[in-house]
Amino acid sequence: MKKILIAAAVGMLVVGHVAAQESPWLVRARAVNLQMANDNSASLTNAGFGLAVDNKTIPEVDISYFFNKNVAAELILTVPQSQTVTNNGAYLGTFKHLPPTLTLQYHFTDLGGYKPYIGAGINYTKISSVSLQGYQLDNHSFGTAFQVGVDVPLDKKWSVNLDVKKVNLKTDVYSSAGANAGTLKLDPLLVGVGVGYRF
């Protein structure tokens, strides 16, 4: 009986310790303003092009897993986004893109009510439904992603988040005959604000 009581007491202590620990999972929802760099390569500008993709605000959901209190991996997701393309201000057409991004972050702790972080990782963008007048785009792009942000805890589970990312994203532009006309660097800056929930 004594051994059973000791085992039960140890078990309760272990359960209490696990319950006191923070969950490694954090989910955030953000509204993100997408600002395109729209840098035309020399071959495009020399040929008289001035391609630009519109800026817009998009929804974003990210899932973070904390390996410890400082290091986390974040998967950043959204739904396929439709973008409008102009050439020297004139409407050229549209395309869709789906840009999941994976970053590895370092979170600074012991700073009172603020939890800033930095991150770096990779972006894969799937380009589809291209409908441009006489032109085509690459169907995908790989690029690096850099990130800074801060979480402001409201309680043990909820927080407010501010996040800024810079993603290297480019696509080659092709004529309907398949000739490469040049490269359009979109390199978007993403400024987001949202809420987080720690499970």
N, C-alpha and C. Protein backbone atom coordinates (compact mmCIF):
# COMPACT_ATOMS: atom_id res chain seq x y z
N MET A 1 0.82 -1.20 0.00
CA MET A 1 0.00 0.00 0.00
C MET A 1 0.86 1.26 0.00
N LYS A 2 1.93 1.22 0.79
CA LYS A 2 2.84 2.36 0.86
C LYS A 2 3.45 2.64 -0.51
N LYS A 3 3.84 1.55 -1.22
CA LYS A 3 4.45 1.72 -2.54
C LYS A 3 3.46 2.31 -3.52
N ILE A 4 2.19 1.89 -3.40
CA ILE A 4 1.16 2.42 -4.29
C ILE A 4 0.97 3.92 -4.07
N LEU A 5 0.94 4.34 -2.80
CA LEU A 5 0.78 5.76 -2.48
C LEU A 5 1.94 6.59 -2.98
N ILE A 6 3.16 6.04 -2.84
CA ILE A 6 4.35 6.75 -3.33
C ILE A 6 4.30 6.89 -4.84
N ALA A 7 3.93 5.78 -5.52
CA ALA A 7 3.84 5.81 -6.98
C ALA A 7 2.78 6.81 -7.44
N ALA A 8 1.65 6.85 -6.75
CA ALA A 8 0.58 7.79 -7.11
C ALA A 8 1.04 9.23 -6.91
N ALA A 9 1.78 9.48 -5.81
CA ALA A 9 2.27 10.84 -5.54
C ALA A 9 3.25 11.29 -6.61
N VAL A 10 4.17 10.37 -7.00
CA VAL A 10 5.14 10.70 -8.06
C VAL A 10 4.42 10.96 -9.37
N GLY A 11 3.41 10.14 -9.67
CA GLY A 11 2.65 10.33 -10.89
C GLY A 11 1.95 11.67 -10.94
N MET A 12 1.38 12.09 -9.82
CA MET A 12 0.71 13.39 -9.75
C MET A 12 1.68 14.53 -9.95
N LEU A 13 2.89 14.39 -9.40
CA LEU A 13 3.91 15.42 -9.58
C LEU A 13 4.30 15.55 -11.04
N VAL A 14 4.48 14.39 -11.71
CA VAL A 14 4.86 14.40 -13.13
C VAL A 14 3.77 15.03 -13.96
N VAL A 15 2.51 14.64 -13.73
CA VAL A 15 1.40 15.21 -14.48
C VAL A 15 1.30 16.71 -14.26
N GLY A 16 1.49 17.13 -13.00
CA GLY A 16 1.44 18.55 -12.70
C GLY A 16 2.53 19.33 -13.40
N HIS A 17 3.74 18.73 -13.50
CA HIS A 17 4.85 19.38 -14.18
C HIS A 17 4.56 19.53 -15.67
N VAL A 18 4.04 18.46 -16.29
CA VAL A 18 3.73 18.51 -17.72
C VAL A 18 2.65 19.53 -18.00
N ALA A 19 1.63 19.56 -17.13
CA ALA A 19 0.53 20.51 -17.33
C ALA A 19 1.00 21.94 -17.21
N ALA A 20 2.02 22.16 -16.37
CA ALA A 20 2.51 23.53 -16.17
C ALA A 20 3.34 24.02 -17.34
N GLN A 21 3.87 23.09 -18.13
CA GLN A 21 4.70 23.48 -19.26
C GLN A 21 3.82 24.05 -20.38
N GLU A 22 4.39 24.99 -21.15
CA GLU A 22 3.67 25.53 -22.30
C GLU A 22 3.63 24.49 -23.40
N SER A 23 2.53 24.48 -24.13
CA SER A 23 2.44 23.61 -25.30
C SER A 23 3.45 24.08 -26.34
N PRO A 24 4.02 23.16 -27.13
CA PRO A 24 4.95 23.59 -28.19
C PRO A 24 4.25 24.17 -29.41
N TRP A 25 2.92 24.11 -29.46
CA TRP A 25 2.18 24.55 -30.65
C TRP A 25 1.59 25.95 -30.46
N LEU A 26 1.81 26.78 -31.49
CA LEU A 26 1.25 28.13 -31.53
C LEU A 26 0.66 28.37 -32.91
N VAL A 27 -0.58 28.81 -32.96
CA VAL A 27 -1.25 29.11 -34.23
C VAL A 27 -1.59 30.59 -34.26
N ARG A 28 -1.29 31.24 -35.38
CA ARG A 28 -1.61 32.65 -35.54
C ARG A 28 -2.48 32.86 -36.77
N ALA A 29 -3.32 33.87 -36.73
CA ALA A 29 -4.07 34.35 -37.89
C ALA A 29 -3.72 35.82 -38.08
N ARG A 30 -3.36 36.17 -39.31
CA ARG A 30 -2.93 37.54 -39.59
C ARG A 30 -3.64 38.11 -40.81
N ALA A 31 -3.76 39.43 -40.83
CA ALA A 31 -4.05 40.17 -42.05
C ALA A 31 -2.72 40.75 -42.52
N VAL A 32 -2.37 40.47 -43.77
CA VAL A 32 -1.03 40.80 -44.26
C VAL A 32 -1.14 41.69 -45.50
N ASN A 33 -0.44 42.81 -45.47
CA ASN A 33 -0.36 43.68 -46.64
C ASN A 33 0.83 43.27 -47.48
N LEU A 34 0.55 42.91 -48.72
CA LEU A 34 1.55 42.40 -49.66
C LEU A 34 1.98 43.54 -50.58
N GLN A 35 3.25 43.94 -50.49
CA GLN A 35 3.77 45.07 -51.27
C GLN A 35 4.85 44.57 -52.22
N MET A 36 4.59 44.62 -53.53
CA MET A 36 5.49 44.08 -54.54
C MET A 36 6.60 45.08 -54.91
N ALA A 37 7.81 44.56 -55.12
CA ALA A 37 8.92 45.41 -55.56
C ALA A 37 8.81 45.75 -57.03
N ASN A 38 8.32 44.81 -57.85
CA ASN A 38 8.11 45.02 -59.29
C ASN A 38 9.37 45.55 -60.00
N ASP A 39 10.45 44.80 -59.87
CA ASP A 39 11.72 45.17 -60.49
C ASP A 39 11.87 44.45 -61.82
N ASN A 40 11.72 45.20 -62.92
CA ASN A 40 11.87 44.62 -64.26
C ASN A 40 13.34 44.49 -64.62
N SER A 41 13.72 43.36 -65.21
CA SER A 41 15.10 43.18 -65.65
C SER A 41 15.39 44.11 -66.81
N ALA A 42 16.68 44.29 -67.10
CA ALA A 42 17.10 45.21 -68.17
C ALA A 42 16.51 44.80 -69.51
N SER A 43 16.42 43.49 -69.75
CA SER A 43 15.88 43.04 -71.04
C SER A 43 14.41 43.42 -71.20
N LEU A 44 13.67 43.45 -70.08
CA LEU A 44 12.27 43.89 -70.15
C LEU A 44 12.17 45.39 -70.39
N THR A 45 12.91 46.17 -69.60
CA THR A 45 12.82 47.63 -69.75
C THR A 45 13.36 48.08 -71.11
N ASN A 46 14.41 47.44 -71.60
CA ASN A 46 14.96 47.80 -72.91
C ASN A 46 13.97 47.52 -74.03
N ALA A 47 13.10 46.53 -73.79
CA ALA A 47 12.08 46.21 -74.79
C ALA A 47 10.81 47.03 -74.61
N GLY A 48 10.83 47.97 -73.66
CA GLY A 48 9.69 48.85 -73.46
C GLY A 48 8.67 48.38 -72.45
N PHE A 49 9.01 47.30 -71.71
CA PHE A 49 8.09 46.80 -70.70
C PHE A 49 8.22 47.60 -69.39
N GLY A 50 7.10 47.68 -68.70
CA GLY A 50 7.07 48.22 -67.34
C GLY A 50 6.05 47.43 -66.55
N LEU A 51 6.38 46.16 -66.29
CA LEU A 51 5.43 45.25 -65.67
C LEU A 51 5.30 45.52 -64.18
N ALA A 52 4.07 45.44 -63.67
CA ALA A 52 3.82 45.64 -62.25
C ALA A 52 2.67 44.74 -61.81
N VAL A 53 2.84 44.14 -60.65
CA VAL A 53 1.79 43.32 -60.02
C VAL A 53 1.21 44.11 -58.86
N ASP A 54 -0.10 44.07 -58.71
CA ASP A 54 -0.77 44.93 -57.72
C ASP A 54 -0.45 44.51 -56.28
N ASN A 55 -0.49 45.47 -55.39
CA ASN A 55 -0.40 45.23 -53.95
C ASN A 55 -1.78 44.88 -53.42
N LYS A 56 -1.84 44.09 -52.35
CA LYS A 56 -3.14 43.75 -51.79
C LYS A 56 -2.97 43.25 -50.36
N THR A 57 -4.07 43.19 -49.63
CA THR A 57 -4.08 42.63 -48.29
C THR A 57 -4.67 41.23 -48.34
N ILE A 58 -3.98 40.26 -47.75
CA ILE A 58 -4.38 38.86 -47.84
C ILE A 58 -4.51 38.25 -46.44
N PRO A 59 -5.29 37.17 -46.30
CA PRO A 59 -5.33 36.45 -45.03
C PRO A 59 -4.15 35.49 -44.93
N GLU A 60 -3.69 35.26 -43.71
CA GLU A 60 -2.55 34.35 -43.52
C GLU A 60 -2.76 33.57 -42.22
N VAL A 61 -2.43 32.30 -42.26
CA VAL A 61 -2.44 31.45 -41.08
C VAL A 61 -1.08 30.79 -40.96
N ASP A 62 -0.51 30.80 -39.77
CA ASP A 62 0.76 30.11 -39.59
C ASP A 62 0.70 29.19 -38.38
N ILE A 63 1.47 28.12 -38.48
CA ILE A 63 1.55 27.12 -37.42
C ILE A 63 3.00 27.02 -36.97
N SER A 64 3.26 27.27 -35.70
CA SER A 64 4.61 27.23 -35.15
C SER A 64 4.76 26.07 -34.18
N TYR A 65 5.94 25.45 -34.24
CA TYR A 65 6.28 24.40 -33.27
C TYR A 65 7.56 24.81 -32.56
N PHE A 66 7.53 24.87 -31.23
CA PHE A 66 8.68 25.29 -30.44
C PHE A 66 9.47 24.06 -29.99
N PHE A 67 10.73 24.00 -30.43
CA PHE A 67 11.62 22.92 -30.00
C PHE A 67 12.08 23.15 -28.56
N ASN A 68 12.21 24.41 -28.21
CA ASN A 68 12.45 24.83 -26.83
C ASN A 68 11.92 26.25 -26.72
N LYS A 69 12.19 26.95 -25.63
CA LYS A 69 11.57 28.26 -25.44
C LYS A 69 12.09 29.31 -26.42
N ASN A 70 13.23 29.04 -27.06
CA ASN A 70 13.82 30.03 -27.96
C ASN A 70 13.71 29.69 -29.45
N VAL A 71 13.73 28.42 -29.80
CA VAL A 71 13.82 28.00 -31.20
C VAL A 71 12.50 27.39 -31.65
N ALA A 72 12.00 27.88 -32.79
CA ALA A 72 10.74 27.38 -33.33
C ALA A 72 10.80 27.31 -34.84
N ALA A 73 9.99 26.45 -35.41
CA ALA A 73 9.79 26.40 -36.86
C ALA A 73 8.37 26.88 -37.16
N GLU A 74 8.23 27.68 -38.21
CA GLU A 74 6.92 28.24 -38.54
C GLU A 74 6.57 27.94 -39.99
N LEU A 75 5.40 27.36 -40.21
CA LEU A 75 4.86 27.13 -41.55
C LEU A 75 3.79 28.19 -41.80
N ILE A 76 3.99 28.97 -42.87
CA ILE A 76 3.14 30.12 -43.17
C ILE A 76 2.29 29.78 -44.39
N LEU A 77 0.97 29.91 -44.24
CA LEU A 77 0.04 29.47 -45.28
C LEU A 77 -0.99 30.55 -45.59
N THR A 78 -1.52 30.48 -46.82
CA THR A 78 -2.66 31.30 -47.20
C THR A 78 -3.43 30.53 -48.27
N VAL A 79 -4.47 31.13 -48.79
CA VAL A 79 -5.22 30.53 -49.90
C VAL A 79 -4.65 31.09 -51.20
N PRO A 80 -4.89 30.42 -52.35
CA PRO A 80 -4.40 30.96 -53.62
C PRO A 80 -4.87 32.40 -53.83
N GLN A 81 -3.94 33.24 -54.23
CA GLN A 81 -4.24 34.66 -54.39
C GLN A 81 -4.24 35.06 -55.86
N SER A 82 -5.23 35.82 -56.26
CA SER A 82 -5.30 36.34 -57.63
C SER A 82 -4.66 37.72 -57.67
N GLN A 83 -3.77 37.93 -58.63
CA GLN A 83 -3.07 39.22 -58.76
C GLN A 83 -3.27 39.79 -60.16
N THR A 84 -3.36 41.10 -60.22
CA THR A 84 -3.52 41.81 -61.49
C THR A 84 -2.16 42.32 -61.98
N VAL A 85 -1.90 42.17 -63.27
CA VAL A 85 -0.64 42.60 -63.88
C VAL A 85 -0.92 43.75 -64.85
N THR A 86 -0.13 44.80 -64.75
CA THR A 86 -0.21 45.90 -65.71
C THR A 86 1.13 46.06 -66.41
N ASN A 87 1.08 46.66 -67.59
CA ASN A 87 2.28 46.97 -68.35
C ASN A 87 2.27 48.45 -68.68
N ASN A 88 3.17 49.21 -68.01
CA ASN A 88 3.21 50.66 -68.15
C ASN A 88 1.84 51.27 -67.83
N GLY A 89 1.18 50.70 -66.83
CA GLY A 89 -0.10 51.22 -66.37
C GLY A 89 -1.32 50.63 -67.06
N ALA A 90 -1.13 49.92 -68.17
CA ALA A 90 -2.25 49.34 -68.90
C ALA A 90 -2.49 47.90 -68.46
N TYR A 91 -3.74 47.53 -68.34
CA TYR A 91 -4.11 46.19 -67.89
C TYR A 91 -3.55 45.13 -68.84
N LEU A 92 -2.86 44.12 -68.27
CA LEU A 92 -2.29 43.04 -69.08
C LEU A 92 -2.96 41.70 -68.79
N GLY A 93 -3.42 41.49 -67.56
CA GLY A 93 -4.07 40.23 -67.24
C GLY A 93 -3.92 39.88 -65.77
N THR A 94 -4.09 38.59 -65.46
CA THR A 94 -4.06 38.13 -64.07
C THR A 94 -3.32 36.80 -63.98
N PHE A 95 -2.96 36.44 -62.77
CA PHE A 95 -2.46 35.10 -62.46
C PHE A 95 -2.77 34.82 -61.00
N LYS A 96 -2.64 33.55 -60.62
CA LYS A 96 -2.81 33.16 -59.22
C LYS A 96 -1.51 32.59 -58.69
N HIS A 97 -1.31 32.75 -57.38
CA HIS A 97 -0.13 32.17 -56.76
C HIS A 97 -0.47 31.65 -55.37
N LEU A 98 0.24 30.58 -54.98
CA LEU A 98 0.10 30.00 -53.66
C LEU A 98 1.50 29.93 -53.06
N PRO A 99 1.79 30.72 -52.00
CA PRO A 99 3.18 30.90 -51.55
C PRO A 99 3.49 30.36 -50.15
N PRO A 100 3.39 29.05 -49.89
CA PRO A 100 3.77 28.56 -48.55
C PRO A 100 5.23 28.86 -48.23
N THR A 101 5.50 29.19 -46.98
CA THR A 101 6.85 29.55 -46.53
C THR A 101 7.15 28.84 -45.22
N LEU A 102 8.38 28.35 -45.11
CA LEU A 102 8.83 27.69 -43.88
C LEU A 102 10.04 28.44 -43.35
N THR A 103 9.97 28.88 -42.08
CA THR A 103 11.09 29.60 -41.47
C THR A 103 11.51 28.93 -40.16
N LEU A 104 12.77 29.13 -39.82
CA LEU A 104 13.30 28.74 -38.52
C LEU A 104 13.53 30.01 -37.74
N GLN A 105 12.98 30.09 -36.52
CA GLN A 105 12.99 31.34 -35.76
C GLN A 105 13.77 31.21 -34.46
N TYR A 106 14.29 32.36 -34.02
CA TYR A 106 14.84 32.47 -32.67
C TYR A 106 14.01 33.50 -31.92
N HIS A 107 13.44 33.07 -30.80
CA HIS A 107 12.59 33.94 -29.97
C HIS A 107 13.38 34.42 -28.75
N PHE A 108 13.37 35.73 -28.55
CA PHE A 108 14.05 36.32 -27.40
C PHE A 108 13.09 36.29 -26.21
N THR A 109 13.58 35.83 -25.08
CA THR A 109 12.73 35.69 -23.90
C THR A 109 13.22 36.61 -22.78
N ASP A 110 12.49 36.60 -21.68
CA ASP A 110 12.85 37.39 -20.49
C ASP A 110 12.89 38.89 -20.78
N LEU A 111 11.98 39.34 -21.64
CA LEU A 111 11.90 40.77 -21.94
C LEU A 111 10.56 41.35 -21.50
N GLY A 112 10.05 40.83 -20.41
CA GLY A 112 8.80 41.35 -19.88
C GLY A 112 7.62 40.98 -20.75
N GLY A 113 6.83 41.97 -21.13
CA GLY A 113 5.62 41.73 -21.89
C GLY A 113 5.81 41.63 -23.38
N TYR A 114 7.04 41.56 -23.87
CA TYR A 114 7.30 41.49 -25.30
C TYR A 114 8.14 40.26 -25.62
N LYS A 115 7.80 39.60 -26.73
CA LYS A 115 8.55 38.42 -27.16
C LYS A 115 8.94 38.57 -28.63
N PRO A 116 10.02 39.34 -28.90
CA PRO A 116 10.45 39.51 -30.30
C PRO A 116 11.13 38.26 -30.84
N TYR A 117 11.17 38.16 -32.17
CA TYR A 117 11.82 37.02 -32.81
C TYR A 117 12.36 37.42 -34.18
N ILE A 118 13.32 36.64 -34.64
CA ILE A 118 13.84 36.77 -36.00
C ILE A 118 13.77 35.40 -36.64
N GLY A 119 13.69 35.37 -37.96
CA GLY A 119 13.61 34.08 -38.64
C GLY A 119 14.13 34.17 -40.06
N ALA A 120 14.46 33.00 -40.61
CA ALA A 120 14.89 32.89 -42.00
C ALA A 120 14.48 31.52 -42.50
N GLY A 121 14.19 31.44 -43.79
CA GLY A 121 13.77 30.16 -44.33
C GLY A 121 13.63 30.20 -45.83
N ILE A 122 12.70 29.39 -46.35
CA ILE A 122 12.53 29.23 -47.79
C ILE A 122 11.07 29.38 -48.17
N ASN A 123 10.85 29.96 -49.33
CA ASN A 123 9.51 30.12 -49.88
C ASN A 123 9.41 29.34 -51.19
N TYR A 124 8.29 28.65 -51.36
CA TYR A 124 7.96 28.03 -52.64
C TYR A 124 6.64 28.62 -53.11
N THR A 125 6.65 29.23 -54.28
CA THR A 125 5.43 29.82 -54.81
C THR A 125 4.99 29.07 -56.05
N LYS A 126 3.77 28.58 -56.03
CA LYS A 126 3.15 27.93 -57.18
C LYS A 126 2.34 28.95 -57.95
N ILE A 127 2.68 29.16 -59.21
CA ILE A 127 2.00 30.13 -60.07
C ILE A 127 1.08 29.38 -61.02
N SER A 128 -0.17 29.80 -61.08
CA SER A 128 -1.14 29.10 -61.92
C SER A 128 -2.14 30.08 -62.51
N SER A 129 -3.03 29.56 -63.36
CA SER A 129 -4.12 30.35 -63.96
C SER A 129 -3.60 31.65 -64.56
N VAL A 130 -2.49 31.55 -65.29
CA VAL A 130 -1.90 32.74 -65.92
C VAL A 130 -2.75 33.13 -67.13
N SER A 131 -3.22 34.36 -67.13
CA SER A 131 -4.04 34.87 -68.23
C SER A 131 -3.55 36.26 -68.59
N LEU A 132 -2.43 36.30 -69.31
CA LEU A 132 -1.82 37.56 -69.74
C LEU A 132 -1.93 37.67 -71.25
N GLN A 133 -2.09 38.86 -71.75
CA GLN A 133 -2.30 39.08 -73.18
C GLN A 133 -1.02 38.80 -73.96
N GLY A 134 -0.89 37.55 -74.43
CA GLY A 134 0.25 37.18 -75.26
C GLY A 134 1.49 36.76 -74.50
N TYR A 135 1.38 36.60 -73.18
CA TYR A 135 2.57 36.27 -72.39
C TYR A 135 2.27 35.17 -71.38
N GLN A 136 3.33 34.54 -70.91
CA GLN A 136 3.24 33.44 -69.95
C GLN A 136 4.29 33.65 -68.87
N LEU A 137 4.09 33.02 -67.70
CA LEU A 137 5.02 33.10 -66.58
C LEU A 137 5.50 31.71 -66.19
N ASP A 138 6.63 31.65 -65.46
CA ASP A 138 7.04 30.38 -64.86
C ASP A 138 5.92 29.85 -63.98
N ASN A 139 5.88 28.51 -63.83
CA ASN A 139 4.81 27.95 -63.00
C ASN A 139 5.20 27.79 -61.54
N HIS A 140 6.44 28.14 -61.17
CA HIS A 140 6.82 28.09 -59.76
C HIS A 140 8.08 28.94 -59.53
N SER A 141 8.34 29.20 -58.24
CA SER A 141 9.53 29.97 -57.86
C SER A 141 9.98 29.53 -56.48
N PHE A 142 11.30 29.38 -56.31
CA PHE A 142 11.90 29.15 -55.00
C PHE A 142 12.68 30.39 -54.60
N GLY A 143 12.63 30.74 -53.32
CA GLY A 143 13.39 31.90 -52.85
C GLY A 143 13.56 31.88 -51.36
N THR A 144 14.45 32.72 -50.87
CA THR A 144 14.67 32.83 -49.43
C THR A 144 13.62 33.75 -48.81
N ALA A 145 13.44 33.62 -47.51
CA ALA A 145 12.50 34.47 -46.77
C ALA A 145 13.16 34.89 -45.46
N PHE A 146 13.00 36.16 -45.11
CA PHE A 146 13.54 36.70 -43.86
C PHE A 146 12.41 37.35 -43.08
N GLN A 147 12.50 37.28 -41.76
CA GLN A 147 11.36 37.62 -40.93
C GLN A 147 11.79 38.25 -39.61
N VAL A 148 11.05 39.26 -39.17
CA VAL A 148 11.18 39.80 -37.82
C VAL A 148 9.77 40.02 -37.30
N GLY A 149 9.60 39.89 -36.00
CA GLY A 149 8.27 40.09 -35.45
C GLY A 149 8.30 40.15 -33.94
N VAL A 150 7.12 40.33 -33.37
CA VAL A 150 7.01 40.38 -31.91
C VAL A 150 5.63 39.89 -31.52
N ASP A 151 5.58 39.08 -30.47
CA ASP A 151 4.33 38.67 -29.84
C ASP A 151 4.17 39.44 -28.54
N VAL A 152 2.98 39.92 -28.29
CA VAL A 152 2.65 40.61 -27.04
C VAL A 152 1.59 39.77 -26.33
N PRO A 153 1.97 39.00 -25.30
CA PRO A 153 1.01 38.13 -24.63
C PRO A 153 -0.12 38.92 -23.96
N LEU A 154 -1.35 38.41 -24.12
CA LEU A 154 -2.51 38.96 -23.43
C LEU A 154 -2.82 38.14 -22.18
N ASP A 155 -2.58 36.84 -22.27
CA ASP A 155 -2.67 35.94 -21.13
C ASP A 155 -1.79 34.73 -21.46
N LYS A 156 -2.00 33.60 -20.79
CA LYS A 156 -1.13 32.44 -21.01
C LYS A 156 -1.32 31.80 -22.38
N LYS A 157 -2.45 32.07 -23.04
CA LYS A 157 -2.73 31.43 -24.32
C LYS A 157 -2.79 32.42 -25.48
N TRP A 158 -3.39 33.57 -25.28
CA TRP A 158 -3.62 34.52 -26.37
C TRP A 158 -2.53 35.58 -26.44
N SER A 159 -2.24 36.04 -27.66
CA SER A 159 -1.24 37.10 -27.86
C SER A 159 -1.60 37.90 -29.10
N VAL A 160 -1.07 39.11 -29.16
CA VAL A 160 -1.16 39.95 -30.35
C VAL A 160 0.19 39.87 -31.07
N ASN A 161 0.14 39.82 -32.39
CA ASN A 161 1.36 39.62 -33.16
C ASN A 161 1.54 40.69 -34.23
N LEU A 162 2.78 41.16 -34.38
CA LEU A 162 3.18 42.03 -35.49
C LEU A 162 4.34 41.34 -36.19
N ASP A 163 4.26 41.21 -37.51
CA ASP A 163 5.24 40.41 -38.24
C ASP A 163 5.57 41.08 -39.57
N VAL A 164 6.87 41.08 -39.92
CA VAL A 164 7.33 41.63 -41.20
C VAL A 164 8.22 40.59 -41.88
N LYS A 165 7.92 40.30 -43.14
CA LYS A 165 8.72 39.34 -43.91
C LYS A 165 9.15 39.96 -45.23
N LYS A 166 10.32 39.55 -45.70
CA LYS A 166 10.79 39.89 -47.04
C LYS A 166 11.07 38.58 -47.76
N VAL A 167 10.40 38.38 -48.89
CA VAL A 167 10.50 37.12 -49.63
C VAL A 167 11.11 37.39 -51.00
N ASN A 168 12.10 36.59 -51.37
CA ASN A 168 12.69 36.68 -52.70
C ASN A 168 11.86 35.83 -53.67
N LEU A 169 11.18 36.50 -54.58
CA LEU A 169 10.26 35.84 -55.50
C LEU A 169 10.41 36.48 -56.88
N LYS A 170 10.67 35.65 -57.88
CA LYS A 170 10.80 36.17 -59.24
C LYS A 170 10.21 35.18 -60.22
N THR A 171 9.92 35.66 -61.42
CA THR A 171 9.41 34.81 -62.48
C THR A 171 9.90 35.31 -63.82
N ASP A 172 10.22 34.38 -64.69
CA ASP A 172 10.56 34.76 -66.06
C ASP A 172 9.29 34.99 -66.86
N VAL A 173 9.37 35.91 -67.81
CA VAL A 173 8.23 36.26 -68.66
C VAL A 173 8.51 35.75 -70.06
N TYR A 174 7.54 35.02 -70.63
CA TYR A 174 7.72 34.42 -71.95
C TYR A 174 6.66 34.94 -72.91
N SER A 175 7.04 35.09 -74.17
CA SER A 175 6.07 35.44 -75.21
C SER A 175 5.24 34.21 -75.54
N SER A 176 4.16 34.40 -76.27
CA SER A 176 3.31 33.27 -76.64
C SER A 176 4.06 32.25 -77.50
N ALA A 177 5.16 32.70 -78.14
CA ALA A 177 5.97 31.79 -78.96
C ALA A 177 7.00 31.05 -78.12
N GLY A 178 7.10 31.37 -76.83
CA GLY A 178 8.02 30.68 -75.94
C GLY A 178 9.35 31.38 -75.74
N ALA A 179 9.55 32.55 -76.33
CA ALA A 179 10.81 33.29 -76.17
C ALA A 179 10.84 33.97 -74.80
N ASN A 180 11.99 33.92 -74.15
CA ASN A 180 12.15 34.54 -72.84
C ASN A 180 12.34 36.05 -73.02
N ALA A 181 11.40 36.84 -72.46
CA ALA A 181 11.46 38.29 -72.61
C ALA A 181 12.23 38.96 -71.49
N GLY A 182 12.43 38.24 -70.36
CA GLY A 182 13.15 38.82 -69.23
C GLY A 182 12.58 38.33 -67.91
N THR A 183 13.05 38.93 -66.83
CA THR A 183 12.68 38.49 -65.48
C THR A 183 12.00 39.61 -64.71
N LEU A 184 10.92 39.26 -64.06
CA LEU A 184 10.22 40.20 -63.17
C LEU A 184 10.45 39.77 -61.74
N LYS A 185 11.14 40.61 -60.97
CA LYS A 185 11.37 40.32 -59.55
C LYS A 185 10.26 40.97 -58.73
N LEU A 186 9.47 40.13 -58.08
CA LEU A 186 8.38 40.64 -57.26
C LEU A 186 8.85 40.97 -55.85
N ASP A 187 9.69 40.11 -55.27
CA ASP A 187 10.32 40.33 -53.96
C ASP A 187 9.41 41.07 -52.98
N PRO A 188 8.26 40.48 -52.63
CA PRO A 188 7.29 41.21 -51.81
C PRO A 188 7.75 41.45 -50.38
N LEU A 189 7.32 42.57 -49.84
CA LEU A 189 7.42 42.88 -48.42
C LEU A 189 6.05 42.62 -47.83
N LEU A 190 5.99 41.79 -46.78
CA LEU A 190 4.72 41.42 -46.17
C LEU A 190 4.68 41.96 -44.74
N VAL A 191 3.74 42.85 -44.49
CA VAL A 191 3.58 43.44 -43.15
C VAL A 191 2.25 42.95 -42.60
N GLY A 192 2.31 42.20 -41.49
CA GLY A 192 1.10 41.58 -40.96
C GLY A 192 0.84 41.90 -39.51
N VAL A 193 -0.43 41.86 -39.14
CA VAL A 193 -0.84 42.01 -37.75
C VAL A 193 -1.93 40.97 -37.49
N GLY A 194 -1.91 40.37 -36.30
CA GLY A 194 -2.89 39.34 -36.02
C GLY A 194 -2.89 38.91 -34.58
N VAL A 195 -3.47 37.74 -34.35
CA VAL A 195 -3.57 37.18 -33.01
C VAL A 195 -3.01 35.76 -33.03
N GLY A 196 -2.48 35.34 -31.87
CA GLY A 196 -1.96 34.00 -31.73
C GLY A 196 -2.60 33.27 -30.57
N TYR A 197 -2.63 31.94 -30.69
CA TYR A 197 -3.18 31.09 -29.62
C TYR A 197 -2.23 29.95 -29.34
N ARG A 198 -1.77 29.84 -28.10
CA ARG A 198 -0.84 28.79 -27.68
C ARG A 198 -1.63 27.65 -27.05
N PHE A 199 -1.58 26.48 -27.67
CA PHE A 199 -2.34 25.34 -27.17
C PHE A 199 -1.69 24.73 -25.92
